[in-house]
Amino acid sequence: MARAFAHLAGAIAMLLTSLLWVALLHGGKADRFLDDLAGAQNEYKVVLGTALLAVILAFVAAIRADRRWFLGVAFSVGTLGFFTYALSR
């Protein structure tokens, strides 16, 4: 049962990571949504928090479920690094 929940955590991590990349492609809609959700001053916290949550969930899946999830960890860390760099400019 714990292994199934770990796979679910990995799937949620990949969903969050994919959502961040889709939001990058549709920046106008994503920006308006985040402004309504957290305000203009805090939208970077939501983006970086989502990326960090994806890294943590993918790491849990890699440790508890299957080593193939380390590919998801690498993808999530790359996403976190990209958005950290993009938001710091």
C-alpha atoms as a PDB file:
ATOM      1  CA  MET A   1       0.000   0.000   0.000  1.00  0.00           C
ATOM      2  CA  ALA A   2       2.804   2.464   0.846  1.00  0.00           C
ATOM      3  CA  ARG A   3       4.402   1.788  -2.525  1.00  0.00           C
ATOM      4  CA  ALA A   4       1.186   2.722  -4.312  1.00  0.00           C
ATOM      5  CA  PHE A   5       1.017   6.010  -2.405  1.00  0.00           C
ATOM      6  CA  ALA A   6       4.636   6.701  -3.332  1.00  0.00           C
ATOM      7  CA  HIS A   7       3.802   6.168  -7.008  1.00  0.00           C
ATOM      8  CA  LEU A   8       0.864   8.537  -6.544  1.00  0.00           C
ATOM      9  CA  ALA A   9       3.221  11.130  -5.017  1.00  0.00           C
ATOM     10  CA  GLY A  10       5.488  10.795  -8.054  1.00  0.00           C
ATOM     11  CA  ALA A  11       2.577  11.212 -10.431  1.00  0.00           C
ATOM     12  CA  ILE A  12       1.452  14.345  -8.576  1.00  0.00           C
ATOM     13  CA  ALA A  13       5.015  15.683  -8.768  1.00  0.00           C
ATOM     14  CA  MET A  14       5.089  15.203 -12.535  1.00  0.00           C
ATOM     15  CA  LEU A  15       1.659  16.814 -12.829  1.00  0.00           C
ATOM     16  CA  LEU A  16       2.873  19.875 -10.914  1.00  0.00           C
ATOM     17  CA  THR A  17       6.050  20.079 -12.996  1.00  0.00           C
ATOM     18  CA  SER A  18       4.094  19.802 -16.225  1.00  0.00           C
ATOM     19  CA  LEU A  19       1.674  22.442 -14.993  1.00  0.00           C
ATOM     20  CA  LEU A  20       4.565  24.849 -14.445  1.00  0.00           C
ATOM     21  CA  TRP A  21       5.853  24.330 -17.991  1.00  0.00           C
ATOM     22  CA  VAL A  22       2.364  24.762 -19.473  1.00  0.00           C
ATOM     23  CA  ALA A  23       2.011  27.968 -17.457  1.00  0.00           C
ATOM     24  CA  LEU A  24       5.271  29.166 -18.987  1.00  0.00           C
ATOM     25  CA  LEU A  25       3.809  28.663 -22.458  1.00  0.00           C
ATOM     26  CA  HIS A  26       0.612  30.563 -21.606  1.00  0.00           C
ATOM     27  CA  GLY A  27       2.147  33.318 -19.511  1.00  0.00           C
ATOM     28  CA  GLY A  28      -0.672  35.840 -19.714  1.00  0.00           C
ATOM     29  CA  LYS A  29      -3.364  33.546 -18.349  1.00  0.00           C
ATOM     30  CA  ALA A  30      -1.045  32.085 -15.722  1.00  0.00           C
ATOM     31  CA  ASP A  31       0.031  35.561 -14.596  1.00  0.00           C
ATOM     32  CA  ARG A  32      -3.560  36.725 -14.178  1.00  0.00           C
ATOM     33  CA  PHE A  33      -4.431  33.534 -12.286  1.00  0.00           C
ATOM     34  CA  LEU A  34      -1.499  33.931  -9.883  1.00  0.00           C
ATOM     35  CA  ASP A  35      -2.236  37.617  -9.387  1.00  0.00           C
ATOM     36  CA  ASP A  36      -5.772  36.710  -8.351  1.00  0.00           C
ATOM     37  CA  LEU A  37      -4.558  33.827  -6.192  1.00  0.00           C
ATOM     38  CA  ALA A  38      -1.628  35.341  -4.307  1.00  0.00           C
ATOM     39  CA  GLY A  39      -1.253  38.927  -5.422  1.00  0.00           C
ATOM     40  CA  ALA A  40       1.414  40.444  -7.642  1.00  0.00           C
ATOM     41  CA  GLN A  41       4.013  40.570  -4.884  1.00  0.00           C
ATOM     42  CA  ASN A  42       3.760  36.886  -3.907  1.00  0.00           C
ATOM     43  CA  GLU A  43       3.385  35.068  -7.213  1.00  0.00           C
ATOM     44  CA  TYR A  44       7.030  33.991  -7.263  1.00  0.00           C
ATOM     45  CA  LYS A  45       6.480  32.275  -3.899  1.00  0.00           C
ATOM     46  CA  VAL A  46       3.667  30.202  -5.391  1.00  0.00           C
ATOM     47  CA  VAL A  47       5.744  29.204  -8.431  1.00  0.00           C
ATOM     48  CA  LEU A  48       8.868  28.310  -6.456  1.00  0.00           C
ATOM     49  CA  GLY A  49       6.817  26.590  -3.754  1.00  0.00           C
ATOM     50  CA  THR A  50       5.105  24.443  -6.373  1.00  0.00           C
ATOM     51  CA  ALA A  51       8.447  23.523  -7.934  1.00  0.00           C
ATOM     52  CA  LEU A  52       9.916  22.663  -4.534  1.00  0.00           C
ATOM     53  CA  LEU A  53       6.880  20.529  -3.672  1.00  0.00           C
ATOM     54  CA  ALA A  54       7.329  18.676  -6.963  1.00  0.00           C
ATOM     55  CA  VAL A  55      10.980  17.970  -6.099  1.00  0.00           C
ATOM     56  CA  ILE A  56      10.058  16.644  -2.665  1.00  0.00           C
ATOM     57  CA  LEU A  57       7.238  14.427  -3.948  1.00  0.00           C
ATOM     58  CA  ALA A  58       9.408  13.026  -6.744  1.00  0.00           C
ATOM     59  CA  PHE A  59      12.184  12.306  -4.243  1.00  0.00           C
ATOM     60  CA  VAL A  60       9.737  10.472  -1.973  1.00  0.00           C
ATOM     61  CA  ALA A  61       8.587   8.404  -4.945  1.00  0.00           C
ATOM     62  CA  ALA A  62      12.182   7.622  -5.922  1.00  0.00           C
ATOM     63  CA  ILE A  63      13.073   6.451  -2.425  1.00  0.00           C
ATOM     64  CA  ARG A  64       9.879   4.574  -1.562  1.00  0.00           C
ATOM     65  CA  ALA A  65       8.547   3.279  -4.873  1.00  0.00           C
ATOM     66  CA  ASP A  66      11.049   2.789  -7.664  1.00  0.00           C
ATOM     67  CA  ARG A  67      14.454   4.073  -8.717  1.00  0.00           C
ATOM     68  CA  ARG A  68      13.039   5.163 -12.065  1.00  0.00           C
ATOM     69  CA  TRP A  69      11.495   8.115 -10.260  1.00  0.00           C
ATOM     70  CA  PHE A  70      14.996   9.604  -9.960  1.00  0.00           C
ATOM     71  CA  LEU A  71      14.461  10.720 -13.548  1.00  0.00           C
ATOM     72  CA  GLY A  72      11.452  12.635 -12.257  1.00  0.00           C
ATOM     73  CA  VAL A  73      13.618  14.106  -9.506  1.00  0.00           C
ATOM     74  CA  ALA A  74      16.103  15.322 -12.117  1.00  0.00           C
ATOM     75  CA  PHE A  75      13.290  16.820 -14.202  1.00  0.00           C
ATOM     76  CA  SER A  76      11.795  18.555 -11.152  1.00  0.00           C
ATOM     77  CA  VAL A  77      15.165  19.909  -9.999  1.00  0.00           C
ATOM     78  CA  GLY A  78      15.807  21.234 -13.498  1.00  0.00           C
ATOM     79  CA  THR A  79      12.431  22.944 -13.469  1.00  0.00           C
ATOM     80  CA  LEU A  80      13.127  24.451 -10.050  1.00  0.00           C
ATOM     81  CA  GLY A  81      16.503  25.703 -11.240  1.00  0.00           C
ATOM     82  CA  PHE A  82      15.070  27.178 -14.423  1.00  0.00           C
ATOM     83  CA  PHE A  83      12.269  29.024 -12.673  1.00  0.00           C
ATOM     84  CA  THR A  84      14.598  30.232  -9.899  1.00  0.00           C
ATOM     85  CA  TYR A  85      16.925  31.673 -12.519  1.00  0.00           C
ATOM     86  CA  ALA A  86      14.090  33.144 -14.572  1.00  0.00           C
ATOM     87  CA  LEU A  87      12.418  34.786 -11.570  1.00  0.00           C
ATOM     88  CA  SER A  88      15.660  36.183 -10.161  1.00  0.00           C
ATOM     89  CA  ARG A  89      16.350  38.308 -13.255  1.00  0.00           C
END
